C-alpha atoms as a PDB file:
ATOM      1  CA  MET A   1      97.620  74.307 131.578  1.00  0.00           C
ATOM      2  CA  ALA A   2      99.931  72.156 132.827  1.00  0.00           C
ATOM      3  CA  ASP A   3     102.921  73.333 134.786  1.00  0.00           C
ATOM      4  CA  THR A   4     105.072  72.016 131.741  1.00  0.00           C
ATOM      5  CA  ASP A   5     103.029  74.402 129.853  1.00  0.00           C
ATOM      6  CA  ALA A   6     103.231  77.530 132.074  1.00  0.00           C
ATOM      7  CA  SER A   7     107.387  77.033 131.533  1.00  0.00           C
ATOM      8  CA  ALA A   8     107.068  76.719 128.240  1.00  0.00           C
ATOM      9  CA  LEU A   9     105.216  79.999 127.865  1.00  0.00           C
ATOM     10  CA  PRO A  10     107.683  82.877 128.844  1.00  0.00           C
ATOM     11  CA  ASN A  11     110.423  81.261 126.424  1.00  0.00           C
ATOM     12  CA  LEU A  12     107.370  81.224 123.326  1.00  0.00           C
ATOM     13  CA  LEU A  13     106.387  85.270 124.431  1.00  0.00           C
ATOM     14  CA  LEU A  14     109.964  85.575 124.136  1.00  0.00           C
ATOM     15  CA  GLY A  15     110.506  83.992 121.209  1.00  0.00           C
ATOM     16  CA  LEU A  16     107.157  85.608 120.045  1.00  0.00           C
ATOM     17  CA  TYR A  17     108.095  89.478 120.921  1.00  0.00           C
ATOM     18  CA  GLY A  18     111.932  88.956 120.137  1.00  0.00           C
ATOM     19  CA  GLY A  19     111.384  87.729 116.174  1.00  0.00           C
ATOM     20  CA  LEU A  20     109.699  91.237 115.199  1.00  0.00           C
ATOM     21  CA  THR A  21     112.291  92.310 113.916  1.00  0.00           C
ATOM     22  CA  ARG A  22     114.234  89.017 112.004  1.00  0.00           C
ATOM     23  CA  ASP A  23     113.989  88.593 108.417  1.00  0.00           C
ATOM     24  CA  PRO A  24     112.085  86.269 107.561  1.00  0.00           C
ATOM     25  CA  PRO A  25     110.273  86.806 111.639  1.00  0.00           C
ATOM     26  CA  TRP A  26     109.139  84.364 114.256  1.00  0.00           C
ATOM     27  CA  GLU A  27     111.405  81.648 113.002  1.00  0.00           C
ATOM     28  CA  GLY A  28     112.357  80.744 116.543  1.00  0.00           C
ATOM     29  CA  PHE A  29     109.231  81.360 118.301  1.00  0.00           C
ATOM     30  CA  LEU A  30     107.825  78.541 115.312  1.00  0.00           C
ATOM     31  CA  GLU A  31     111.052  76.089 116.331  1.00  0.00           C
ATOM     32  CA  ASP A  32     109.717  76.209 119.972  1.00  0.00           C
ATOM     33  CA  LEU A  33     105.594  76.820 120.014  1.00  0.00           C
ATOM     34  CA  ALA A  34     106.101  73.222 117.506  1.00  0.00           C
ATOM     35  CA  ALA A  35     108.465  72.032 120.766  1.00  0.00           C
ATOM     36  CA  ALA A  36     106.649  72.860 123.057  1.00  0.00           C
ATOM     37  CA  ALA A  37     103.018  70.969 121.591  1.00  0.00           C
ATOM     38  CA  GLN A  38     104.858  68.160 120.481  1.00  0.00           C
ATOM     39  CA  ALA A  39     104.653  69.068 116.810  1.00  0.00           C
ATOM     40  CA  SER A  40     106.735  68.067 114.121  1.00  0.00           C
ATOM     41  CA  PHE A  41     106.547  71.908 112.823  1.00  0.00           C
ATOM     42  CA  ALA A  42     104.337  74.635 113.203  1.00  0.00           C
ATOM     43  CA  THR A  43     103.843  77.604 110.364  1.00  0.00           C
ATOM     44  CA  LEU A  44     102.550  81.051 110.035  1.00  0.00           C
ATOM     45  CA  ILE A  45     101.463  82.051 107.089  1.00  0.00           C
ATOM     46  CA  ILE A  46     100.573  86.119 106.286  1.00  0.00           C
ATOM     47  CA  ALA A  47      97.789  86.055 103.668  1.00  0.00           C
ATOM     48  CA  THR A  48      95.164  88.777 101.564  1.00  0.00           C
ATOM     49  CA  GLY A  49      91.727  86.676 101.341  1.00  0.00           C
ATOM     50  CA  ARG A  50      91.675  82.935 100.979  1.00  0.00           C
ATOM     51  CA  THR A  51      94.734  82.529  98.810  1.00  0.00           C
ATOM     52  CA  GLY A  52      96.656  85.630  98.191  1.00  0.00           C
ATOM     53  CA  ILE A  53      99.984  84.450 100.245  1.00  0.00           C
ATOM     54  CA  ASP A  54     102.203  87.274 101.354  1.00  0.00           C
ATOM     55  CA  ALA A  55     104.371  85.393 103.829  1.00  0.00           C
ATOM     56  CA  LEU A  56     104.695  82.161 105.173  1.00  0.00           C
ATOM     57  CA  VAL A  57     107.080  81.028 107.450  1.00  0.00           C
ATOM     58  CA  THR A  58     107.546  77.353 108.098  1.00  0.00           C
ATOM     59  CA  PRO A  59     111.483  76.371 110.328  1.00  0.00           C
ATOM     60  CA  GLY A  60     113.366  73.113 109.192  1.00  0.00           C
ATOM     61  CA  VAL A  61     110.364  71.873 106.504  1.00  0.00           C
ATOM     62  CA  ASP A  62     111.434  71.455 102.706  1.00  0.00           C
ATOM     63  CA  PRO A  63     111.378  74.564 100.444  1.00  0.00           C
ATOM     64  CA  VAL A  64     109.858  72.353  98.567  1.00  0.00           C
ATOM     65  CA  ARG A  65     107.361  71.320 100.162  1.00  0.00           C
ATOM     66  CA  ALA A  66     106.474  75.061 101.472  1.00  0.00           C
ATOM     67  CA  GLY A  67     106.369  75.783  97.646  1.00  0.00           C
ATOM     68  CA  GLU A  68     104.094  73.274  96.773  1.00  0.00           C
ATOM     69  CA  TYR A  69     101.655  74.351  99.479  1.00  0.00           C
ATOM     70  CA  GLU A  70     101.827  78.254  98.191  1.00  0.00           C
ATOM     71  CA  SER A  71     100.639  76.657  94.371  1.00  0.00           C
ATOM     72  CA  LEU A  72      98.122  74.351  96.366  1.00  0.00           C
ATOM     73  CA  SER A  73      97.022  77.189  98.913  1.00  0.00           C
ATOM     74  CA  ASP A  74      93.912  77.677  97.276  1.00  0.00           C
ATOM     75  CA  ALA A  75      92.491  73.842  97.918  1.00  0.00           C
ATOM     76  CA  ASP A  76      92.858  74.124 101.651  1.00  0.00           C
ATOM     77  CA  PRO A  77      89.906  73.459 103.454  1.00  0.00           C
ATOM     78  CA  PHE A  78      91.536  74.698 106.765  1.00  0.00           C
ATOM     79  CA  VAL A  79      90.968  78.397 106.340  1.00  0.00           C
ATOM     80  CA  ASP A  80      88.917  81.222 107.229  1.00  0.00           C
ATOM     81  CA  LEU A  81      88.345  79.934 110.838  1.00  0.00           C
ATOM     82  CA  PRO A  82      86.086  81.629 113.038  1.00  0.00           C
ATOM     83  CA  GLU A  83      88.733  84.136 114.524  1.00  0.00           C
ATOM     84  CA  GLY A  84      90.529  83.982 117.358  1.00  0.00           C
ATOM     85  CA  GLN A  85      89.601  80.215 118.139  1.00  0.00           C
ATOM     86  CA  VAL A  86      91.628  77.826 118.237  1.00  0.00           C
ATOM     87  CA  MET A  87      90.343  74.420 116.231  1.00  0.00           C
ATOM     88  CA  SER A  88      91.832  71.125 114.986  1.00  0.00           C
ATOM     89  CA  TYR A  89      91.938  70.227 111.423  1.00  0.00           C
ATOM     90  CA  GLN A  90      90.063  67.232 111.404  1.00  0.00           C
ATOM     91  CA  ASP A  91      86.341  69.211 113.575  1.00  0.00           C
ATOM     92  CA  PHE A  92      86.520  72.309 110.768  1.00  0.00           C
ATOM     93  CA  VAL A  93      87.148  70.107 107.749  1.00  0.00           C
ATOM     94  CA  SER A  94      84.348  68.407 106.138  1.00  0.00           C
ATOM     95  CA  HIS A  95      85.182  67.997 102.106  1.00  0.00           C
ATOM     96  CA  VAL A  96      88.967  67.944 101.227  1.00  0.00           C
ATOM     97  CA  PRO A  97      89.963  68.101  97.555  1.00  0.00           C
ATOM     98  CA  SER A  98      91.182  65.798  96.163  1.00  0.00           C
ATOM     99  CA  ARG A  99      94.427  67.194  95.083  1.00  0.00           C
ATOM    100  CA  PHE A 100      94.726  68.823  98.545  1.00  0.00           C
ATOM    101  CA  LYS A 101      94.453  65.628  99.798  1.00  0.00           C
ATOM    102  CA  ASP A 102      97.137  64.157  97.710  1.00  0.00           C
ATOM    103  CA  TRP A 103      99.295  66.543  99.051  1.00  0.00           C
ATOM    104  CA  MET A 104      98.867  65.792 102.401  1.00  0.00           C
ATOM    105  CA  ASP A 105      99.027  62.379 102.325  1.00  0.00           C
ATOM    106  CA  SER A 106     102.440  63.045 100.306  1.00  0.00           C
ATOM    107  CA  THR A 107     104.058  65.029 102.939  1.00  0.00           C
ATOM    108  CA  GLY A 108     102.538  62.677 106.330  1.00  0.00           C
ATOM    109  CA  SER A 109     100.803  65.995 107.385  1.00  0.00           C
ATOM    110  CA  ALA A 110      97.642  64.469 109.770  1.00  0.00           C
ATOM    111  CA  GLN A 111      96.701  66.251 112.755  1.00  0.00           C
ATOM    112  CA  ILE A 112      96.825  70.291 112.354  1.00  0.00           C
ATOM    113  CA  LEU A 113      96.004  72.274 115.072  1.00  0.00           C
ATOM    114  CA  GLY A 114      95.279  76.423 113.987  1.00  0.00           C
ATOM    115  CA  VAL A 115      93.654  79.257 115.068  1.00  0.00           C
ATOM    116  CA  ASP A 116      92.377  82.465 112.695  1.00  0.00           C
ATOM    117  CA  LEU A 117      93.298  86.364 113.440  1.00  0.00           C
ATOM    118  CA  GLN A 118      92.113  89.113 111.359  1.00  0.00           C
ATOM    119  CA  ALA A 119      93.543  92.772 111.304  1.00  0.00           C
ATOM    120  CA  PRO A 120      92.047  95.404 110.785  1.00  0.00           C
ATOM    121  CA  SER A 121      93.453  95.991 107.273  1.00  0.00           C
ATOM    122  CA  GLY A 122      92.022  92.900 105.486  1.00  0.00           C
ATOM    123  CA  ALA A 123      94.925  90.563 106.045  1.00  0.00           C
ATOM    124  CA  SER A 124      94.715  87.079 108.162  1.00  0.00           C
ATOM    125  CA  PHE A 125      97.563  85.403 110.156  1.00  0.00           C
ATOM    126  CA  ARG A 126      97.154  82.076 110.211  1.00  0.00           C
ATOM    127  CA  LEU A 127      99.057  79.862 112.541  1.00  0.00           C
ATOM    128  CA  ARG A 128      99.281  76.052 112.158  1.00  0.00           C
ATOM    129  CA  THR A 129     100.847  73.554 114.078  1.00  0.00           C
ATOM    130  CA  THR A 130     100.955  69.971 112.223  1.00  0.00           C
ATOM    131  CA  ARG A 131     101.993  66.508 113.856  1.00  0.00           C
ATOM    132  CA  TYR A 132     103.018  63.799 111.058  1.00  0.00           C
ATOM    133  CA  GLN A 133     100.656  60.757 110.532  1.00  0.00           C
ATOM    134  CA  ASN A 134     102.295  58.500 112.816  1.00  0.00           C
ATOM    135  CA  LEU A 135     102.194  61.192 115.546  1.00  0.00           C
ATOM    136  CA  PRO A 136      98.820  61.026 118.066  1.00  0.00           C
ATOM    137  CA  ASP A 137      96.008  63.169 117.624  1.00  0.00           C
ATOM    138  CA  PHE A 138      96.556  66.581 119.725  1.00  0.00           C
ATOM    139  CA  SER A 139      94.821  66.880 123.259  1.00  0.00           C
ATOM    140  CA  GLU A 140      93.283  69.647 125.190  1.00  0.00           C
ATOM    141  CA  ARG A 141      96.467  70.685 126.453  1.00  0.00           C
ATOM    142  CA  GLU A 142      97.803  71.489 123.137  1.00  0.00           C
ATOM    143  CA  SER A 143      94.913  73.453 122.302  1.00  0.00           C
ATOM    144  CA  ALA A 144      95.034  75.342 126.184  1.00  0.00           C
ATOM    145  CA  LEU A 145      98.487  76.139 125.094  1.00  0.00           C
ATOM    146  CA  ILE A 146      97.733  77.651 121.743  1.00  0.00           C
ATOM    147  CA  ALA A 147      95.053  79.392 123.215  1.00  0.00           C
ATOM    148  CA  SER A 148      97.310  81.315 125.850  1.00  0.00           C
ATOM    149  CA  LEU A 149      98.787  82.338 123.007  1.00  0.00           C
ATOM    150  CA  VAL A 150      96.277  83.828 121.182  1.00  0.00           C
ATOM    151  CA  PRO A 151      96.570  87.615 122.842  1.00  0.00           C
ATOM    152  CA  HIS A 152     100.216  87.481 123.017  1.00  0.00           C
ATOM    153  CA  LEU A 153      99.876  86.993 118.991  1.00  0.00           C
ATOM    154  CA  ARG A 154      97.630  89.718 118.503  1.00  0.00           C
ATOM    155  CA  VAL A 155     100.052  92.391 119.915  1.00  0.00           C
ATOM    156  CA  ALA A 156     102.923  90.592 118.323  1.00  0.00           C
ATOM    157  CA  LEU A 157     101.155  90.964 115.011  1.00  0.00           C
ATOM    158  CA  GLU A 158      99.930  94.156 115.302  1.00  0.00           C
ATOM    159  CA  LEU A 159     103.801  95.337 116.253  1.00  0.00           C
ATOM    160  CA  HIS A 160     104.757  93.686 113.466  1.00  0.00           C
ATOM    161  CA  ALA A 161     102.561  95.652 110.830  1.00  0.00           C
ATOM    162  CA  ARG A 162     103.854  98.672 112.277  1.00  0.00           C
ATOM    163  CA  LEU A 163     107.388  98.504 111.793  1.00  0.00           C
ATOM    164  CA  THR A 164     106.588  96.650 108.132  1.00  0.00           C
ATOM    165  CA  THR A 165     105.267  99.856 107.746  1.00  0.00           C
ATOM    166  CA  THR A 166     107.250 102.579 108.709  1.00  0.00           C
ATOM    167  CA  GLN A 167     110.047  99.785 107.051  1.00  0.00           C
ATOM    168  CA  ALA A 168     108.335 101.033 104.601  1.00  0.00           C
ATOM    169  CA  GLU A 169     108.088 104.588 104.306  1.00  0.00           C
ATOM    170  CA  ARG A 170     111.854 104.793 105.608  1.00  0.00           C
ATOM    171  CA  GLN A 171     112.943 103.307 101.841  1.00  0.00           C
ATOM    172  CA  ILE A 172     110.065 105.321 100.612  1.00  0.00           C
ATOM    173  CA  PHE A 173     111.728 108.228 102.648  1.00  0.00           C
ATOM    174  CA  SER A 174     115.391 107.272 101.398  1.00  0.00           C
ATOM    175  CA  SER A 175     114.479 106.770  98.210  1.00  0.00           C
ATOM    176  CA  ALA A 176     112.984 110.245  97.555  1.00  0.00           C
ATOM    177  CA  MET A 177     115.903 112.101  99.504  1.00  0.00           C
ATOM    178  CA  ALA A 178     118.664 110.702  97.358  1.00  0.00           C
ATOM    179  CA  GLY A 179     116.669 111.365  93.885  1.00  0.00           C
ATOM    180  CA  LEU A 180     116.556 115.319  95.584  1.00  0.00           C
ATOM    181  CA  ALA A 181     120.045 115.224  96.551  1.00  0.00           C
ATOM    182  CA  VAL A 182     119.018 115.683 100.151  1.00  0.00           C
ATOM    183  CA  ALA A 183     122.055 114.504 102.132  1.00  0.00           C
ATOM    184  CA  THR A 184     120.810 113.124 105.571  1.00  0.00           C
ATOM    185  CA  LEU A 185     123.063 112.469 108.618  1.00  0.00           C
ATOM    186  CA  VAL A 186     121.639 111.323 112.428  1.00  0.00           C
ATOM    187  CA  LEU A 187     124.022 112.316 114.557  1.00  0.00           C
ATOM    188  CA  GLY A 188     124.610 110.902 118.449  1.00  0.00           C
ATOM    189  CA  ARG A 189     124.955 113.821 121.179  1.00  0.00           C
ATOM    190  CA  ASP A 190     128.611 113.874 120.686  1.00  0.00           C
ATOM    191  CA  GLY A 191     128.471 114.519 116.685  1.00  0.00           C
ATOM    192  CA  ARG A 192     129.406 110.472 115.681  1.00  0.00           C
ATOM    193  CA  ILE A 193     127.917 109.939 112.251  1.00  0.00           C
ATOM    194  CA  MET A 194     125.329 106.908 113.255  1.00  0.00           C
ATOM    195  CA  ARG A 195     123.051 106.852 110.084  1.00  0.00           C
ATOM    196  CA  ARG A 196     123.688 108.879 106.883  1.00  0.00           C
ATOM    197  CA  ASN A 197     122.313 108.372 103.046  1.00  0.00           C
ATOM    198  CA  ALA A 198     123.751 107.892 100.036  1.00  0.00           C
ATOM    199  CA  THR A 199     123.894 111.847  99.203  1.00  0.00           C
ATOM    200  CA  ALA A 200     125.118 112.150 102.556  1.00  0.00           C
ATOM    201  CA  GLU A 201     128.186 109.903 102.197  1.00  0.00           C
ATOM    202  CA  ARG A 202     129.389 111.411  98.536  1.00  0.00           C
ATOM    203  CA  LEU A 203     129.763 115.223 100.358  1.00  0.00           C
ATOM    204  CA  LEU A 204     131.947 113.093 103.063  1.00  0.00           C
ATOM    205  CA  ARG A 205     133.651 111.568 100.755  1.00  0.00           C
ATOM    206  CA  GLU A 206     134.063 114.658  98.298  1.00  0.00           C
ATOM    207  CA  GLY A 207     135.358 116.308 101.653  1.00  0.00           C
ATOM    208  CA  ILE A 208     134.938 120.187 100.744  1.00  0.00           C
ATOM    209  CA  VAL A 209     132.091 121.101 103.355  1.00  0.00           C
ATOM    210  CA  ILE A 210     132.072 118.135 105.642  1.00  0.00           C
ATOM    211  CA  MET A 211     133.996 114.629 106.344  1.00  0.00           C
ATOM    212  CA  GLU A 212     134.057 112.007 108.681  1.00  0.00           C
ATOM    213  CA  ARG A 213     136.863 112.468 110.691  1.00  0.00           C
ATOM    214  CA  GLN A 214     137.329 109.390 114.018  1.00  0.00           C
ATOM    215  CA  GLY A 215     133.288 108.619 113.092  1.00  0.00           C
ATOM    216  CA  ARG A 216     132.323 111.970 113.594  1.00  0.00           C
ATOM    217  CA  LEU A 217     131.063 114.869 111.323  1.00  0.00           C
ATOM    218  CA  GLU A 218     133.828 117.429 110.838  1.00  0.00           C
ATOM    219  CA  PRO A 219     132.552 120.498 109.343  1.00  0.00           C
ATOM    220  CA  GLN A 220     135.401 121.902 106.994  1.00  0.00           C
ATOM    221  CA  ALA A 221     135.429 125.764 108.038  1.00  0.00           C
ATOM    222  CA  GLY A 222     135.632 127.230 111.197  1.00  0.00           C
ATOM    223  CA  ALA A 223     131.952 128.935 111.403  1.00  0.00           C
ATOM    224  CA  GLY A 224     130.701 125.205 110.948  1.00  0.00           C
ATOM    225  CA  VAL A 225     132.484 123.637 113.179  1.00  0.00           C
ATOM    226  CA  THR A 226     131.043 126.782 115.605  1.00  0.00           C
ATOM    227  CA  MET A 227     127.309 126.343 113.883  1.00  0.00           C
ATOM    228  CA  LEU A 228     127.458 122.594 114.387  1.00  0.00           C
ATOM    229  CA  ALA A 229     129.045 122.371 117.999  1.00  0.00           C
ATOM    230  CA  ARG A 230     126.243 124.735 118.870  1.00  0.00           C
ATOM    231  CA  LEU A 231     123.224 122.587 117.434  1.00  0.00           C
ATOM    232  CA  LEU A 232     124.335 120.076 119.299  1.00  0.00           C
ATOM    233  CA  ALA A 233     124.833 122.029 122.837  1.00  0.00           C
ATOM    234  CA  SER A 234     121.111 123.144 122.344  1.00  0.00           C
ATOM    235  CA  PRO A 235     119.065 121.756 119.478  1.00  0.00           C
ATOM    236  CA  PRO A 236     115.937 122.740 118.045  1.00  0.00           C
ATOM    237  CA  PRO A 237     112.994 122.080 120.650  1.00  0.00           C
ATOM    238  CA  PRO A 238     110.792 118.757 119.430  1.00  0.00           C
ATOM    239  CA  GLY A 239     109.011 119.935 116.583  1.00  0.00           C
ATOM    240  CA  GLU A 240     110.454 122.431 115.352  1.00  0.00           C
ATOM    241  CA  GLU A 241     113.710 122.776 113.033  1.00  0.00           C
ATOM    242  CA  THR A 242     117.214 125.221 112.958  1.00  0.00           C
ATOM    243  CA  ALA A 243     117.646 126.357 109.635  1.00  0.00           C
ATOM    244  CA  PHE A 244     121.317 127.386 109.074  1.00  0.00           C
ATOM    245  CA  ASP A 245     124.097 127.540 106.498  1.00  0.00           C
ATOM    246  CA  MET A 246     127.193 124.617 106.197  1.00  0.00           C
ATOM    247  CA  ALA A 247     130.249 127.056 104.911  1.00  0.00           C
ATOM    248  CA  ALA A 248     132.799 125.677 103.325  1.00  0.00           C
ATOM    249  CA  PRO A 249     136.150 126.572 103.287  1.00  0.00           C
ATOM    250  CA  ASP A 250     136.015 128.803  99.322  1.00  0.00           C
ATOM    251  CA  GLY A 251     133.377 130.485 100.417  1.00  0.00           C
ATOM    252  CA  SER A 252     130.529 128.116  98.911  1.00  0.00           C
ATOM    253  CA  SER A 253     128.092 126.569 101.599  1.00  0.00           C
ATOM    254  CA  LEU A 254     125.154 124.065 101.888  1.00  0.00           C
ATOM    255  CA  ARG A 255     122.117 125.341 103.289  1.00  0.00           C
ATOM    256  CA  GLY A 256     120.755 123.207 105.835  1.00  0.00           C
ATOM    257  CA  ARG A 257     117.698 122.017 108.262  1.00  0.00           C
ATOM    258  CA  ALA A 258     118.672 120.808 111.687  1.00  0.00           C
ATOM    259  CA  LEU A 259     115.846 118.676 113.535  1.00  0.00           C
ATOM    260  CA  SER A 260     115.677 116.940 117.620  1.00  0.00           C
ATOM    261  CA  LEU A 261     115.260 113.128 117.188  1.00  0.00           C
ATOM    262  CA  PRO A 262     112.100 111.466 120.666  1.00  0.00           C
ATOM    263  CA  ILE A 263     115.183 110.624 122.975  1.00  0.00           C
ATOM    264  CA  SER A 264     113.917 107.376 123.933  1.00  0.00           C
ATOM    265  CA  ALA A 265     115.686 105.130 126.816  1.00  0.00           C
ATOM    266  CA  TYR A 266     116.110 102.303 124.812  1.00  0.00           C
ATOM    267  CA  GLY A 267     117.158 104.067 121.595  1.00  0.00           C
ATOM    268  CA  ASP A 268     120.806 103.860 120.006  1.00  0.00           C
ATOM    269  CA  GLY A 269     121.533 107.266 120.914  1.00  0.00           C
ATOM    270  CA  ALA A 270     120.208 109.130 118.062  1.00  0.00           C
ATOM    271  CA  PHE A 271     120.305 113.001 119.090  1.00  0.00           C
ATOM    272  CA  ILE A 272     119.568 115.955 116.022  1.00  0.00           C
ATOM    273  CA  ALA A 273     119.168 115.064 112.109  1.00  0.00           C
ATOM    274  CA  LEU A 274     120.372 117.231 109.800  1.00  0.00           C
ATOM    275  CA  PHE A 275     119.301 117.787 105.816  1.00  0.00           C
ATOM    276  CA  LEU A 276     121.930 119.574 103.329  1.00  0.00           C
ATOM    277  CA  SER A 277     121.462 120.946  99.988  1.00  0.00           C
ATOM    278  CA  ASP A 278     122.567 123.260  97.897  1.00  0.00           C
ATOM    279  CA  PRO A 279     121.031 126.330  96.981  1.00  0.00           C
ATOM    280  CA  ASN A 280     123.304 127.717  93.918  1.00  0.00           C
ATOM    281  CA  ARG A 281     121.887 124.462  91.698  1.00  0.00           C
ATOM    282  CA  SER A 282     118.649 125.863  91.610  1.00  0.00           C
ATOM    283  CA  ASP A 283     119.958 127.654  88.473  1.00  0.00           C
ATOM    284  CA  ARG A 284     120.067 124.020  87.263  1.00  0.00           C
ATOM    285  CA  LEU A 285     116.541 123.135  87.612  1.00  0.00           C
ATOM    286  CA  ASP A 286     114.352 123.847  84.498  1.00  0.00           C
ATOM    287  CA  PRO A 287     110.391 124.177  84.089  1.00  0.00           C
ATOM    288  CA  ALA A 288     110.475 121.113  82.263  1.00  0.00           C
ATOM    289  CA  THR A 289     111.970 119.411  85.702  1.00  0.00           C
ATOM    290  CA  LEU A 290     109.225 120.531  88.193  1.00  0.00           C
ATOM    291  CA  ARG A 291     106.282 119.926  85.999  1.00  0.00           C
ATOM    292  CA  HIS A 292     107.536 116.225  85.946  1.00  0.00           C
ATOM    293  CA  ARG A 293     108.703 115.985  89.494  1.00  0.00           C
ATOM    294  CA  PHE A 294     105.258 117.445  90.868  1.00  0.00           C
ATOM    295  CA  GLN A 295     103.208 117.259  88.009  1.00  0.00           C
ATOM    296  CA  LEU A 296     102.839 121.365  88.158  1.00  0.00           C
ATOM    297  CA  THR A 297     101.353 123.277  85.419  1.00  0.00           C
ATOM    298  CA  PRO A 298     103.396 125.356  82.658  1.00  0.00           C
ATOM    299  CA  ALA A 299     102.114 128.134  85.015  1.00  0.00           C
ATOM    300  CA  GLU A 300     103.321 127.267  88.038  1.00  0.00           C
ATOM    301  CA  ALA A 301     106.373 125.402  87.127  1.00  0.00           C
ATOM    302  CA  ALA A 302     107.511 128.648  85.837  1.00  0.00           C
ATOM    303  CA  LEU A 303     106.238 130.424  89.018  1.00  0.00           C
ATOM    304  CA  ALA A 304     107.862 127.804  91.226  1.00  0.00           C
ATOM    305  CA  VAL A 305     110.991 128.132  89.472  1.00  0.00           C
ATOM    306  CA  GLN A 306     110.758 131.945  89.984  1.00  0.00           C
ATOM    307  CA  LEU A 307     110.679 131.745  93.973  1.00  0.00           C
ATOM    308  CA  ALA A 308     112.948 129.227  94.247  1.00  0.00           C
ATOM    309  CA  ARG A 309     115.920 132.050  92.774  1.00  0.00           C
ATOM    310  CA  GLY A 310     115.044 134.419  95.774  1.00  0.00           C
ATOM    311  CA  ILE A 311     112.497 136.347  93.885  1.00  0.00           C
ATOM    312  CA  SER A 312     109.416 137.636  95.531  1.00  0.00           C
ATOM    313  CA  LEU A 313     105.790 136.383  94.570  1.00  0.00           C
ATOM    314  CA  ILE A 314     104.781 140.170  93.097  1.00  0.00           C
ATOM    315  CA  ASP A 315     108.587 140.548  90.983  1.00  0.00           C
ATOM    316  CA  ALA A 316     107.647 136.719  90.119  1.00  0.00           C
ATOM    317  CA  SER A 317     104.462 137.964  88.774  1.00  0.00           C
ATOM    318  CA  GLN A 318     105.725 140.563  86.843  1.00  0.00           C
ATOM    319  CA  ARG A 319     108.605 139.114  85.330  1.00  0.00           C
ATOM    320  CA  LEU A 320     106.242 136.680  83.865  1.00  0.00           C
ATOM    321  CA  ASP A 321     103.854 139.224  82.735  1.00  0.00           C
ATOM    322  CA  ILE A 322     100.482 137.924  85.325  1.00  0.00           C
ATOM    323  CA  ALA A 323      98.553 139.309  87.819  1.00  0.00           C
ATOM    324  CA  HIS A 324      99.425 139.168  91.506  1.00  0.00           C
ATOM    325  CA  ASN A 325      96.474 137.369  92.550  1.00  0.00           C
ATOM    326  CA  THR A 326      96.885 135.305  89.574  1.00  0.00           C
ATOM    327  CA  ALA A 327     100.081 134.283  90.828  1.00  0.00           C
ATOM    328  CA  ARG A 328      99.182 133.913  94.951  1.00  0.00           C
ATOM    329  CA  ALA A 329      96.157 131.481  92.763  1.00  0.00           C
ATOM    330  CA  HIS A 330      99.235 129.390  91.716  1.00  0.00           C
ATOM    331  CA  LEU A 331     101.064 129.551  94.317  1.00  0.00           C
ATOM    332  CA  ARG A 332      98.123 127.492  96.514  1.00  0.00           C
ATOM    333  CA  ALA A 333      98.287 125.129  93.554  1.00  0.00           C
ATOM    334  CA  ILE A 334     102.272 124.710  93.920  1.00  0.00           C
ATOM    335  CA  PHE A 335     101.273 124.913  97.647  1.00  0.00           C
ATOM    336  CA  ALA A 336      98.660 121.562  97.660  1.00  0.00           C
ATOM    337  CA  LYS A 337     101.097 119.664  94.756  1.00  0.00           C
ATOM    338  CA  THR A 338     104.263 120.042  96.713  1.00  0.00           C
ATOM    339  CA  GLY A 339     102.708 119.104 100.293  1.00  0.00           C
ATOM    340  CA  THR A 340     104.463 122.461 101.137  1.00  0.00           C
ATOM    341  CA  HIS A 341     102.627 125.365 103.875  1.00  0.00           C
ATOM    342  CA  ARG A 342     104.562 128.063 103.313  1.00  0.00           C
ATOM    343  CA  GLN A 343     106.482 130.146 100.716  1.00  0.00           C
ATOM    344  CA  ALA A 344     109.937 129.131 102.343  1.00  0.00           C
ATOM    345  CA  GLU A 345     109.161 125.561 102.767  1.00  0.00           C
ATOM    346  CA  LEU A 346     108.174 125.362  99.036  1.00  0.00           C
ATOM    347  CA  VAL A 347     111.359 127.147  97.946  1.00  0.00           C
ATOM    348  CA  HIS A 348     113.790 124.888 100.235  1.00  0.00           C
ATOM    349  CA  MET A 349     112.012 121.646  98.656  1.00  0.00           C
ATOM    350  CA  ILE A 350     112.565 123.627  95.200  1.00  0.00           C
ATOM    351  CA  ARG A 351     116.390 124.262  95.945  1.00  0.00           C
ATOM    352  CA  THR A 352     116.481 120.824  96.942  1.00  0.00           C
ATOM    353  CA  ALA A 353     115.260 118.931  93.988  1.00  0.00           C
ATOM    354  CA  ALA A 354     117.259 121.889  91.871  1.00  0.00           C
ATOM    355  CA  ALA A 355     120.536 119.585  93.420  1.00  0.00           C
ATOM    356  CA  GLY A 356     119.365 116.523  92.425  1.00  0.00           C
ATOM    357  CA  ALA A 357     118.790 117.874  88.357  1.00  0.00           C
END
């Protein structure tokens, strides 16, 4: 590359990696790329197959034009380029459908450079730089600039896919926790509340068992204060959890689990996660609710309710008038359907489900 291109690369990479968490992603990178390539604009398209466009980012372009392209994308001949190779529109396309040619003429899009990358998921990532018809053709200089970005594009797109998946999973888990009425709190080393879900917000607002004071978690009973101080001073080892009860002044309590969070030098200081539920509400959970929530059979749901009430498996089988071996078979099926592995874990899950019933 020419020296001017080499000097532009650090800024382009900064925009590429810095755009991972933006919504929409990479607008700044695309603007910088268009400037460095002396293009009218740059576009990133994330697609499934030839026509299934999942995202289209073209900063500075009329949204109406972008919408027109999406409606015409099935006629775009500049797709399925050789993977990872920078191609020009003129060198790749031999036939242009008339309706797509009419659209290109109307937008003045004459010169295009592009590169396609394929993700393991089957998605394709199409980077396009476009010049209007009053500008000269792209040269080897611009092709080399885009080619130098390809290895970085692969890394950035893979990171973006992982971040998107993680964010989607967090939303799903957060929604599930809210539905189960499990309060989740992420604390810093000093007890500062860094994140909380809606259920935790409700408990903090009620102020019966816990409250927020100057941004920190404050249990309302002395035993809870001591317990929290102990957890912050000596959190559970990584990969393990600590069970605890968070008492209220009236004698009631919330049952909880504490997990340590990975420490990162570039993190936000999150230190420990607390999950709180009310075991006293398990009597509100009937077998029909369990059947619907976990897809249990009537017999499995009846056993699960008994276990949630603190009854042993042997006593539960006697109450339900079934053989102990039958109860054990039901329990194995319940484990499989709820994703649990131990009876204590199962009981905790059922009791948290009761809190949202």
